[in-house]
């Protein structure tokens, strides 16, 4: 994780796109109560601290990967949101 945080707007979009790819509807998760504002903010902050945003953006452009990569800072959170019974 980087000591310098990346641009918040860019990382909001990276998290949203990765969530969409993982089959997670963030708005629905917030509505259901499985994603709090604090948890959402933590996801964006983790993404902002990632050392690989360029790799993430390239991966999201390809859209040919089965799930968030091992190095994704939000992989576990997205997996939990994709299967809400585990939360």
PDB file of N, CA and C in Angstrom:
ATOM      1  N   UNK A   1       0.849  -1.178   0.000  1.00  0.00           N
ATOM      2  CA  UNK A   1       0.000   0.000   0.000  1.00  0.00           C
ATOM      3  C   UNK A   1       0.893   1.238   0.000  1.00  0.00           C
ATOM      4  N   UNK A   2       0.515   2.191  -0.816  1.00  0.00           N
ATOM      5  CA  UNK A   2       1.282   3.413  -0.974  1.00  0.00           C
ATOM      6  C   UNK A   2       1.096   4.344   0.224  1.00  0.00           C
ATOM      7  N   UNK A   3       2.146   5.116   0.536  1.00  0.00           N
ATOM      8  CA  UNK A   3       2.063   6.100   1.619  1.00  0.00           C
ATOM      9  C   UNK A   3       1.307   7.344   1.163  1.00  0.00           C
ATOM     10  N   UNK A   4       1.250   7.570  -0.150  1.00  0.00           N
ATOM     11  CA  UNK A   4       0.551   8.722  -0.713  1.00  0.00           C
ATOM     12  C   UNK A   4      -0.766   8.233  -1.311  1.00  0.00           C
ATOM     13  N   UNK A   5      -1.853   8.863  -0.904  1.00  0.00           N
ATOM     14  CA  UNK A   5      -3.166   8.458  -1.408  1.00  0.00           C
ATOM     15  C   UNK A   5      -3.433   9.071  -2.781  1.00  0.00           C
ATOM     16  N   UNK A   6      -4.057   8.282  -3.643  1.00  0.00           N
ATOM     17  CA  UNK A   6      -4.396   8.740  -4.987  1.00  0.00           C
ATOM     18  C   UNK A   6      -5.615   9.643  -4.997  1.00  0.00           C
ATOM     19  N   UNK A   7      -5.912  10.159  -6.182  1.00  0.00           N
ATOM     20  CA  UNK A   7      -7.038  11.062  -6.400  1.00  0.00           C
ATOM     21  C   UNK A   7      -8.352  10.394  -5.992  1.00  0.00           C
ATOM     22  N   UNK A   8      -9.121  11.010  -5.091  1.00  0.00           N
ATOM     23  CA  UNK A   8     -10.347  10.378  -4.606  1.00  0.00           C
ATOM     24  C   UNK A   8     -11.359  10.056  -5.711  1.00  0.00           C
ATOM     25  N   UNK A   9     -11.569  10.973  -6.643  1.00  0.00           N
ATOM     26  CA  UNK A   9     -12.566  10.752  -7.695  1.00  0.00           C
ATOM     27  C   UNK A   9     -12.166   9.566  -8.570  1.00  0.00           C
ATOM     28  N   UNK A  10     -10.913   9.514  -8.952  1.00  0.00           N
ATOM     29  CA  UNK A  10     -10.444   8.391  -9.776  1.00  0.00           C
ATOM     30  C   UNK A  10     -10.689   7.062  -9.065  1.00  0.00           C
ATOM     31  N   UNK A  11     -10.388   7.022  -7.780  1.00  0.00           N
ATOM     32  CA  UNK A  11     -10.503   5.761  -7.048  1.00  0.00           C
ATOM     33  C   UNK A  11     -11.956   5.401  -6.730  1.00  0.00           C
ATOM     34  N   UNK A  12     -12.803   6.391  -6.582  1.00  0.00           N
ATOM     35  CA  UNK A  12     -14.239   6.090  -6.458  1.00  0.00           C
ATOM     36  C   UNK A  12     -14.686   5.323  -7.692  1.00  0.00           C
ATOM     37  N   UNK A  13     -14.275   5.808  -8.863  1.00  0.00           N
ATOM     38  CA  UNK A  13     -14.678   5.135 -10.103  1.00  0.00           C
ATOM     39  C   UNK A  13     -14.033   3.769 -10.251  1.00  0.00           C
ATOM     40  N   UNK A  14     -12.780   3.618  -9.827  1.00  0.00           N
ATOM     41  CA  UNK A  14     -12.144   2.297  -9.895  1.00  0.00           C
ATOM     42  C   UNK A  14     -12.880   1.299  -8.999  1.00  0.00           C
ATOM     43  N   UNK A  15     -13.229   1.723  -7.791  1.00  0.00           N
ATOM     44  CA  UNK A  15     -13.959   0.825  -6.884  1.00  0.00           C
ATOM     45  C   UNK A  15     -15.326   0.488  -7.478  1.00  0.00           C
ATOM     46  N   UNK A  16     -16.016   1.480  -7.991  1.00  0.00           N
ATOM     47  CA  UNK A  16     -17.342   1.225  -8.580  1.00  0.00           C
ATOM     48  C   UNK A  16     -17.259   0.246  -9.745  1.00  0.00           C
ATOM     49  N   UNK A  17     -16.265   0.440 -10.604  1.00  0.00           N
ATOM     50  CA  UNK A  17     -16.116  -0.452 -11.758  1.00  0.00           C
ATOM     51  C   UNK A  17     -15.725  -1.858 -11.330  1.00  0.00           C
ATOM     52  N   UNK A  18     -14.822  -1.977 -10.343  1.00  0.00           N
ATOM     53  CA  UNK A  18     -14.421  -3.303  -9.871  1.00  0.00           C
ATOM     54  C   UNK A  18     -15.610  -3.994  -9.213  1.00  0.00           C
ATOM     55  N   UNK A  19     -16.392  -3.245  -8.459  1.00  0.00           N
ATOM     56  CA  UNK A  19     -17.584  -3.822  -7.827  1.00  0.00           C
ATOM     57  C   UNK A  19     -18.554  -4.316  -8.891  1.00  0.00           C
ATOM     58  N   UNK A  20     -18.785  -3.510  -9.903  1.00  0.00           N
ATOM     59  CA  UNK A  20     -19.683  -3.911 -10.990  1.00  0.00           C
ATOM     60  C   UNK A  20     -19.188  -5.201 -11.640  1.00  0.00           C
ATOM     61  N   UNK A  21     -17.889  -5.258 -11.890  1.00  0.00           N
ATOM     62  CA  UNK A  21     -17.321  -6.466 -12.494  1.00  0.00           C
ATOM     63  C   UNK A  21     -17.498  -7.681 -11.583  1.00  0.00           C
ATOM     64  N   UNK A  22     -17.427  -7.453 -10.280  1.00  0.00           N
ATOM     65  CA  UNK A  22     -17.577  -8.541  -9.303  1.00  0.00           C
ATOM     66  C   UNK A  22     -19.042  -8.907  -9.073  1.00  0.00           C
ATOM     67  N   UNK A  23     -19.947  -8.192  -9.742  1.00  0.00           N
ATOM     68  CA  UNK A  23     -21.369  -8.493  -9.585  1.00  0.00           C
ATOM     69  C   UNK A  23     -21.999  -7.859  -8.364  1.00  0.00           C
ATOM     70  N   UNK A  24     -21.362  -6.832  -7.841  1.00  0.00           N
ATOM     71  CA  UNK A  24     -21.862  -6.148  -6.647  1.00  0.00           C
ATOM     72  C   UNK A  24     -22.546  -4.849  -7.061  1.00  0.00           C
ATOM     73  N   UNK A  25     -23.792  -4.711  -6.681  1.00  0.00           N
ATOM     74  CA  UNK A  25     -24.535  -3.466  -6.883  1.00  0.00           C
ATOM     75  C   UNK A  25     -24.355  -2.638  -5.611  1.00  0.00           C
ATOM     76  N   UNK A  26     -23.462  -1.654  -5.657  1.00  0.00           N
ATOM     77  CA  UNK A  26     -23.135  -0.883  -4.458  1.00  0.00           C
ATOM     78  C   UNK A  26     -24.350  -0.147  -3.898  1.00  0.00           C
ATOM     79  N   UNK A  27     -25.149   0.464  -4.761  1.00  0.00           N
ATOM     80  CA  UNK A  27     -26.337   1.185  -4.277  1.00  0.00           C
ATOM     81  C   UNK A  27     -27.297   0.226  -3.585  1.00  0.00           C
ATOM     82  N   UNK A  28     -27.467  -0.955  -4.150  1.00  0.00           N
ATOM     83  CA  UNK A  28     -28.344  -1.957  -3.543  1.00  0.00           C
ATOM     84  C   UNK A  28     -27.785  -2.415  -2.196  1.00  0.00           C
ATOM     85  N   UNK A  29     -26.473  -2.600  -2.118  1.00  0.00           N
ATOM     86  CA  UNK A  29     -25.851  -3.011  -0.855  1.00  0.00           C
ATOM     87  C   UNK A  29     -26.041  -1.930   0.211  1.00  0.00           C
ATOM     88  N   UNK A  30     -25.959  -0.672  -0.181  1.00  0.00           N
ATOM     89  CA  UNK A  30     -26.197   0.410   0.772  1.00  0.00           C
ATOM     90  C   UNK A  30     -27.659   0.417   1.199  1.00  0.00           C
ATOM     91  N   UNK A  31     -28.559   0.232   0.261  1.00  0.00           N
ATOM     92  CA  UNK A  31     -29.989   0.206   0.571  1.00  0.00           C
ATOM     93  C   UNK A  31     -30.323  -0.950   1.517  1.00  0.00           C
ATOM     94  N   UNK A  32     -29.740  -2.124   1.271  1.00  0.00           N
ATOM     95  CA  UNK A  32     -29.975  -3.302   2.119  1.00  0.00           C
ATOM     96  C   UNK A  32     -29.331  -3.159   3.495  1.00  0.00           C
ATOM     97  N   UNK A  33     -28.380  -2.259   3.613  1.00  0.00           N
ATOM     98  CA  UNK A  33     -27.684  -2.089   4.881  1.00  0.00           C
ATOM     99  C   UNK A  33     -26.453  -2.963   5.021  1.00  0.00           C
ATOM    100  N   UNK A  34     -26.045  -3.631   3.932  1.00  0.00           N
ATOM    101  CA  UNK A  34     -24.842  -4.463   4.005  1.00  0.00           C
ATOM    102  C   UNK A  34     -23.580  -3.678   3.679  1.00  0.00           C
ATOM    103  N   UNK A  35     -23.744  -2.440   3.221  1.00  0.00           N
ATOM    104  CA  UNK A  35     -22.605  -1.561   2.969  1.00  0.00           C
ATOM    105  C   UNK A  35     -22.904  -0.208   3.601  1.00  0.00           C
ATOM    106  N   UNK A  36     -22.258   0.059   4.722  1.00  0.00           N
ATOM    107  CA  UNK A  36     -22.440   1.339   5.413  1.00  0.00           C
ATOM    108  C   UNK A  36     -21.614   2.420   4.720  1.00  0.00           C
ATOM    109  N   UNK A  37     -21.901   3.664   5.039  1.00  0.00           N
ATOM    110  CA  UNK A  37     -21.102   4.775   4.512  1.00  0.00           C
ATOM    111  C   UNK A  37     -19.648   4.639   4.950  1.00  0.00           C
ATOM    112  N   UNK A  38     -19.445   4.188   6.183  1.00  0.00           N
ATOM    113  CA  UNK A  38     -18.089   4.017   6.702  1.00  0.00           C
ATOM    114  C   UNK A  38     -17.342   2.935   5.925  1.00  0.00           C
ATOM    115  N   UNK A  39     -18.031   1.833   5.629  1.00  0.00           N
ATOM    116  CA  UNK A  39     -17.401   0.744   4.877  1.00  0.00           C
ATOM    117  C   UNK A  39     -17.088   1.186   3.448  1.00  0.00           C
ATOM    118  N   UNK A  40     -17.999   1.947   2.840  1.00  0.00           N
ATOM    119  CA  UNK A  40     -17.762   2.477   1.497  1.00  0.00           C
ATOM    120  C   UNK A  40     -16.548   3.396   1.503  1.00  0.00           C
ATOM    121  N   UNK A  41     -16.477   4.299   2.478  1.00  0.00           N
ATOM    122  CA  UNK A  41     -15.336   5.212   2.577  1.00  0.00           C
ATOM    123  C   UNK A  41     -14.036   4.438   2.775  1.00  0.00           C
ATOM    124  N   UNK A  42     -14.083   3.379   3.571  1.00  0.00           N
ATOM    125  CA  UNK A  42     -12.890   2.555   3.795  1.00  0.00           C
ATOM    126  C   UNK A  42     -12.454   1.864   2.506  1.00  0.00           C
ATOM    127  N   UNK A  43     -13.416   1.416   1.703  1.00  0.00           N
ATOM    128  CA  UNK A  43     -13.075   0.781   0.423  1.00  0.00           C
ATOM    129  C   UNK A  43     -12.367   1.771  -0.499  1.00  0.00           C
ATOM    130  N   UNK A  44     -12.890   2.980  -0.582  1.00  0.00           N
ATOM    131  CA  UNK A  44     -12.271   3.996  -1.434  1.00  0.00           C
ATOM    132  C   UNK A  44     -10.885   4.350  -0.904  1.00  0.00           C
ATOM    133  N   UNK A  45     -10.745   4.481   0.401  1.00  0.00           N
ATOM    134  CA  UNK A  45      -9.444   4.808   0.988  1.00  0.00           C
ATOM    135  C   UNK A  45      -8.435   3.700   0.725  1.00  0.00           C
ATOM    136  N   UNK A  46      -8.859   2.434   0.865  1.00  0.00           N
ATOM    137  CA  UNK A  46      -7.944   1.326   0.554  1.00  0.00           C
ATOM    138  C   UNK A  46      -7.501   1.395  -0.903  1.00  0.00           C
ATOM    139  N   UNK A  47      -8.436   1.663  -1.792  1.00  0.00           N
ATOM    140  CA  UNK A  47      -8.106   1.774  -3.211  1.00  0.00           C
ATOM    141  C   UNK A  47      -7.134   2.935  -3.444  1.00  0.00           C
ATOM    142  N   UNK A  48      -7.371   4.038  -2.797  1.00  0.00           N
ATOM    143  CA  UNK A  48      -6.499   5.209  -2.950  1.00  0.00           C
ATOM    144  C   UNK A  48      -5.072   4.919  -2.515  1.00  0.00           C
ATOM    145  N   UNK A  49      -4.900   3.971  -1.581  1.00  0.00           N
ATOM    146  CA  UNK A  49      -3.570   3.615  -1.106  1.00  0.00           C
ATOM    147  C   UNK A  49      -2.892   2.532  -1.921  1.00  0.00           C
ATOM    148  N   UNK A  50      -3.589   2.001  -2.908  1.00  0.00           N
ATOM    149  CA  UNK A  50      -3.060   0.904  -3.726  1.00  0.00           C
ATOM    150  C   UNK A  50      -1.884   1.383  -4.579  1.00  0.00           C
ATOM    151  N   UNK A  51      -0.907   0.491  -4.753  1.00  0.00           N
ATOM    152  CA  UNK A  51       0.256   0.794  -5.585  1.00  0.00           C
ATOM    153  C   UNK A  51       0.013   0.516  -7.069  1.00  0.00           C
ATOM    154  N   UNK A  52      -1.149  -0.026  -7.427  1.00  0.00           N
ATOM    155  CA  UNK A  52      -1.350  -0.495  -8.800  1.00  0.00           C
ATOM    156  C   UNK A  52      -2.602   0.060  -9.488  1.00  0.00           C
ATOM    157  N   UNK A  53      -2.927   1.338  -9.341  1.00  0.00           N
ATOM    158  CA  UNK A  53      -4.151   1.823  -9.987  1.00  0.00           C
ATOM    159  C   UNK A  53      -4.101   1.741 -11.513  1.00  0.00           C
ATOM    160  N   UNK A  54      -2.928   1.906 -12.100  1.00  0.00           N
ATOM    161  CA  UNK A  54      -2.815   1.799 -13.564  1.00  0.00           C
ATOM    162  C   UNK A  54      -3.084   0.371 -14.015  1.00  0.00           C
ATOM    163  N   UNK A  55      -2.547  -0.601 -13.265  1.00  0.00           N
ATOM    164  CA  UNK A  55      -2.814  -2.010 -13.584  1.00  0.00           C
ATOM    165  C   UNK A  55      -4.303  -2.302 -13.451  1.00  0.00           C
ATOM    166  N   UNK A  56      -4.921  -1.762 -12.429  1.00  0.00           N
ATOM    167  CA  UNK A  56      -6.350  -1.952 -12.199  1.00  0.00           C
ATOM    168  C   UNK A  56      -7.154  -1.380 -13.365  1.00  0.00           C
ATOM    169  N   UNK A  57      -6.835  -0.175 -13.772  1.00  0.00           N
ATOM    170  CA  UNK A  57      -7.561   0.464 -14.876  1.00  0.00           C
ATOM    171  C   UNK A  57      -7.419  -0.351 -16.157  1.00  0.00           C
ATOM    172  N   UNK A  58      -6.206  -0.840 -16.433  1.00  0.00           N
ATOM    173  CA  UNK A  58      -6.000  -1.671 -17.631  1.00  0.00           C
ATOM    174  C   UNK A  58      -6.798  -2.965 -17.544  1.00  0.00           C
ATOM    175  N   UNK A  59      -6.793  -3.578 -16.372  1.00  0.00           N
ATOM    176  CA  UNK A  59      -7.539  -4.818 -16.174  1.00  0.00           C
ATOM    177  C   UNK A  59      -9.034  -4.585 -16.389  1.00  0.00           C
ATOM    178  N   UNK A  60      -9.542  -3.498 -15.850  1.00  0.00           N
ATOM    179  CA  UNK A  60     -10.961  -3.186 -16.007  1.00  0.00           C
ATOM    180  C   UNK A  60     -11.326  -2.912 -17.464  1.00  0.00           C
ATOM    181  N   UNK A  61     -10.404  -2.389 -18.237  1.00  0.00           N
ATOM    182  CA  UNK A  61     -10.660  -2.168 -19.662  1.00  0.00           C
ATOM    183  C   UNK A  61     -10.780  -3.492 -20.403  1.00  0.00           C
ATOM    184  N   UNK A  62     -10.004  -4.483 -19.997  1.00  0.00           N
ATOM    185  CA  UNK A  62     -10.040  -5.795 -20.666  1.00  0.00           C
ATOM    186  C   UNK A  62     -11.312  -6.555 -20.342  1.00  0.00           C
ATOM    187  N   UNK A  63     -11.744  -6.476 -19.102  1.00  0.00           N
ATOM    188  CA  UNK A  63     -12.979  -7.124 -18.635  1.00  0.00           C
ATOM    189  C   UNK A  63     -13.000  -8.636 -18.851  1.00  0.00           C
ATOM    190  N   UNK A  64     -11.842  -9.266 -18.896  1.00  0.00           N
ATOM    191  CA  UNK A  64     -11.798 -10.709 -19.127  1.00  0.00           C
ATOM    192  C   UNK A  64     -11.170 -11.459 -17.949  1.00  0.00           C
ATOM    193  N   UNK A  65     -11.499 -11.034 -16.754  1.00  0.00           N
ATOM    194  CA  UNK A  65     -10.956 -11.696 -15.570  1.00  0.00           C
ATOM    195  C   UNK A  65     -12.127 -12.159 -14.714  1.00  0.00           C
ATOM    196  N   UNK A  66     -11.976 -13.284 -14.017  1.00  0.00           N
ATOM    197  CA  UNK A  66     -13.117 -13.885 -13.321  1.00  0.00           C
ATOM    198  C   UNK A  66     -13.541 -13.189 -12.032  1.00  0.00           C
ATOM    199  N   UNK A  67     -12.637 -12.500 -11.377  1.00  0.00           N
ATOM    200  CA  UNK A  67     -12.939 -11.847 -10.097  1.00  0.00           C
ATOM    201  C   UNK A  67     -11.843 -10.818  -9.828  1.00  0.00           C
ATOM    202  N   UNK A  68     -12.016  -9.973  -8.826  1.00  0.00           N
ATOM    203  CA  UNK A  68     -10.951  -9.010  -8.522  1.00  0.00           C
ATOM    204  C   UNK A  68      -9.622  -9.738  -8.305  1.00  0.00           C
ATOM    205  N   UNK A  69      -8.538  -9.162  -8.794  1.00  0.00           N
ATOM    206  CA  UNK A  69      -7.235  -9.821  -8.682  1.00  0.00           C
ATOM    207  C   UNK A  69      -6.775  -9.948  -7.229  1.00  0.00           C
ATOM    208  N   UNK A  70      -5.835 -10.841  -7.006  1.00  0.00           N
ATOM    209  CA  UNK A  70      -5.310 -11.070  -5.655  1.00  0.00           C
ATOM    210  C   UNK A  70      -4.774  -9.793  -5.022  1.00  0.00           C
ATOM    211  N   UNK A  71      -4.229  -8.892  -5.829  1.00  0.00           N
ATOM    212  CA  UNK A  71      -3.634  -7.680  -5.282  1.00  0.00           C
ATOM    213  C   UNK A  71      -4.651  -6.561  -5.033  1.00  0.00           C
ATOM    214  N   UNK A  72      -5.913  -6.791  -5.357  1.00  0.00           N
ATOM    215  CA  UNK A  72      -6.941  -5.770  -5.125  1.00  0.00           C
ATOM    216  C   UNK A  72      -7.150  -5.578  -3.624  1.00  0.00           C
ATOM    217  N   UNK A  73      -7.033  -4.355  -3.176  1.00  0.00           N
ATOM    218  CA  UNK A  73      -7.194  -4.030  -1.756  1.00  0.00           C
ATOM    219  C   UNK A  73      -8.612  -4.299  -1.264  1.00  0.00           C
ATOM    220  N   UNK A  74      -9.573  -4.382  -2.177  1.00  0.00           N
ATOM    221  CA  UNK A  74     -10.975  -4.582  -1.805  1.00  0.00           C
ATOM    222  C   UNK A  74     -11.522  -5.949  -2.194  1.00  0.00           C
ATOM    223  N   UNK A  75     -10.654  -6.850  -2.550  1.00  0.00           N
ATOM    224  CA  UNK A  75     -11.089  -8.177  -3.002  1.00  0.00           C
ATOM    225  C   UNK A  75     -11.999  -8.857  -1.975  1.00  0.00           C
ATOM    226  N   UNK A  76     -11.580  -8.901  -0.719  1.00  0.00           N
ATOM    227  CA  UNK A  76     -12.376  -9.579   0.316  1.00  0.00           C
ATOM    228  C   UNK A  76     -13.697  -8.857   0.568  1.00  0.00           C
ATOM    229  N   UNK A  77     -13.649  -7.531   0.628  1.00  0.00           N
ATOM    230  CA  UNK A  77     -14.878  -6.766   0.866  1.00  0.00           C
ATOM    231  C   UNK A  77     -15.874  -6.993  -0.264  1.00  0.00           C
ATOM    232  N   UNK A  78     -15.390  -7.017  -1.494  1.00  0.00           N
ATOM    233  CA  UNK A  78     -16.283  -7.241  -2.631  1.00  0.00           C
ATOM    234  C   UNK A  78     -16.832  -8.662  -2.626  1.00  0.00           C
ATOM    235  N   UNK A  79     -16.004  -9.616  -2.248  1.00  0.00           N
ATOM    236  CA  UNK A  79     -16.482 -11.004  -2.159  1.00  0.00           C
ATOM    237  C   UNK A  79     -17.583 -11.112  -1.110  1.00  0.00           C
ATOM    238  N   UNK A  80     -17.413 -10.447   0.018  1.00  0.00           N
ATOM    239  CA  UNK A  80     -18.440 -10.472   1.067  1.00  0.00           C
ATOM    240  C   UNK A  80     -19.726  -9.801   0.608  1.00  0.00           C
ATOM    241  N   UNK A  81     -19.608  -8.712  -0.127  1.00  0.00           N
ATOM    242  CA  UNK A  81     -20.800  -8.022  -0.619  1.00  0.00           C
ATOM    243  C   UNK A  81     -21.494  -8.813  -1.721  1.00  0.00           C
ATOM    244  N   UNK A  82     -20.730  -9.571  -2.478  1.00  0.00           N
ATOM    245  CA  UNK A  82     -21.320 -10.387  -3.538  1.00  0.00           C
ATOM    246  C   UNK A  82     -22.113 -11.551  -2.958  1.00  0.00           C
ATOM    247  N   UNK A  83     -21.768 -11.957  -1.743  1.00  0.00           N
ATOM    248  CA  UNK A  83     -22.460 -13.046  -1.048  1.00  0.00           C
ATOM    249  C   UNK A  83     -22.922 -12.524   0.305  1.00  0.00           C
ATOM    250  N   UNK A  84     -24.001 -11.723   0.344  1.00  0.00           N
ATOM    251  CA  UNK A  84     -24.400 -11.030   1.571  1.00  0.00           C
ATOM    252  C   UNK A  84     -24.691 -11.944   2.749  1.00  0.00           C
ATOM    253  N   UNK A  85     -25.004 -13.207   2.508  1.00  0.00           N
ATOM    254  CA  UNK A  85     -25.256 -14.092   3.645  1.00  0.00           C
ATOM    255  C   UNK A  85     -23.991 -14.328   4.462  1.00  0.00           C
ATOM    256  N   UNK A  86     -22.825 -14.033   3.889  1.00  0.00           N
ATOM    257  CA  UNK A  86     -21.564 -14.198   4.608  1.00  0.00           C
ATOM    258  C   UNK A  86     -21.234 -12.985   5.456  1.00  0.00           C
ATOM    259  N   UNK A  87     -21.879 -11.858   5.209  1.00  0.00           N
ATOM    260  CA  UNK A  87     -21.552 -10.606   5.910  1.00  0.00           C
ATOM    261  C   UNK A  87     -22.052 -10.657   7.334  1.00  0.00           C
TER     262      UNK A  87
END
